[in-house]
Amino acid sequence: MKTFQLSQDMLNLRGQFYPTGHIVAMFPSADTAQAAARALSDAGLADDDVALITPEVMMRDIARTVGTSDIPLPSPGTEADTVRRYADFASKGHYALMVRAPDNDDSERVMQAIQGHEVSHAQKYRMLVIEDLA
């Protein structure tokens, strides 16, 4: 598992957090997030495909991307609302894992691996769609 680093390719044209081809899953503690990361590794996911997002990083780096949501461009989705939901969980001490899952099989493998690991909330970022997973 690697440490999360926000990069330009994780943002949409409006500058909001939108890591296409990834799942973001929230967990109630560092321990539960780390246990889920171990389960993902045991399921065969590469360590480079899993990033830990601490509550502090969620608030400092990801939640701030909502500030750009007032730009007058058309928005087909709910990117800002999703980030606000992450921020709410992070403000309560929840940790997140961002997991590379570009296709349906990858998404299913990720969700099976973390099943039973106290997932608070999970979203899959697809092209133009954010899918609720948990």
Foldseek 3Di string as FASTA:
>chain_A
DAADDDDPCQADPLQAGFNAQKKKWKALAPVLQVQLLVLLVVLPADPVQKHKAWLVNLVPPHLCSLVSVPPPDDALDDRNVVSVVSNVSSVNGIMIMIGRHRDDVSVVSSCVSSPPSHTPWMWHRHVSDIHTDD
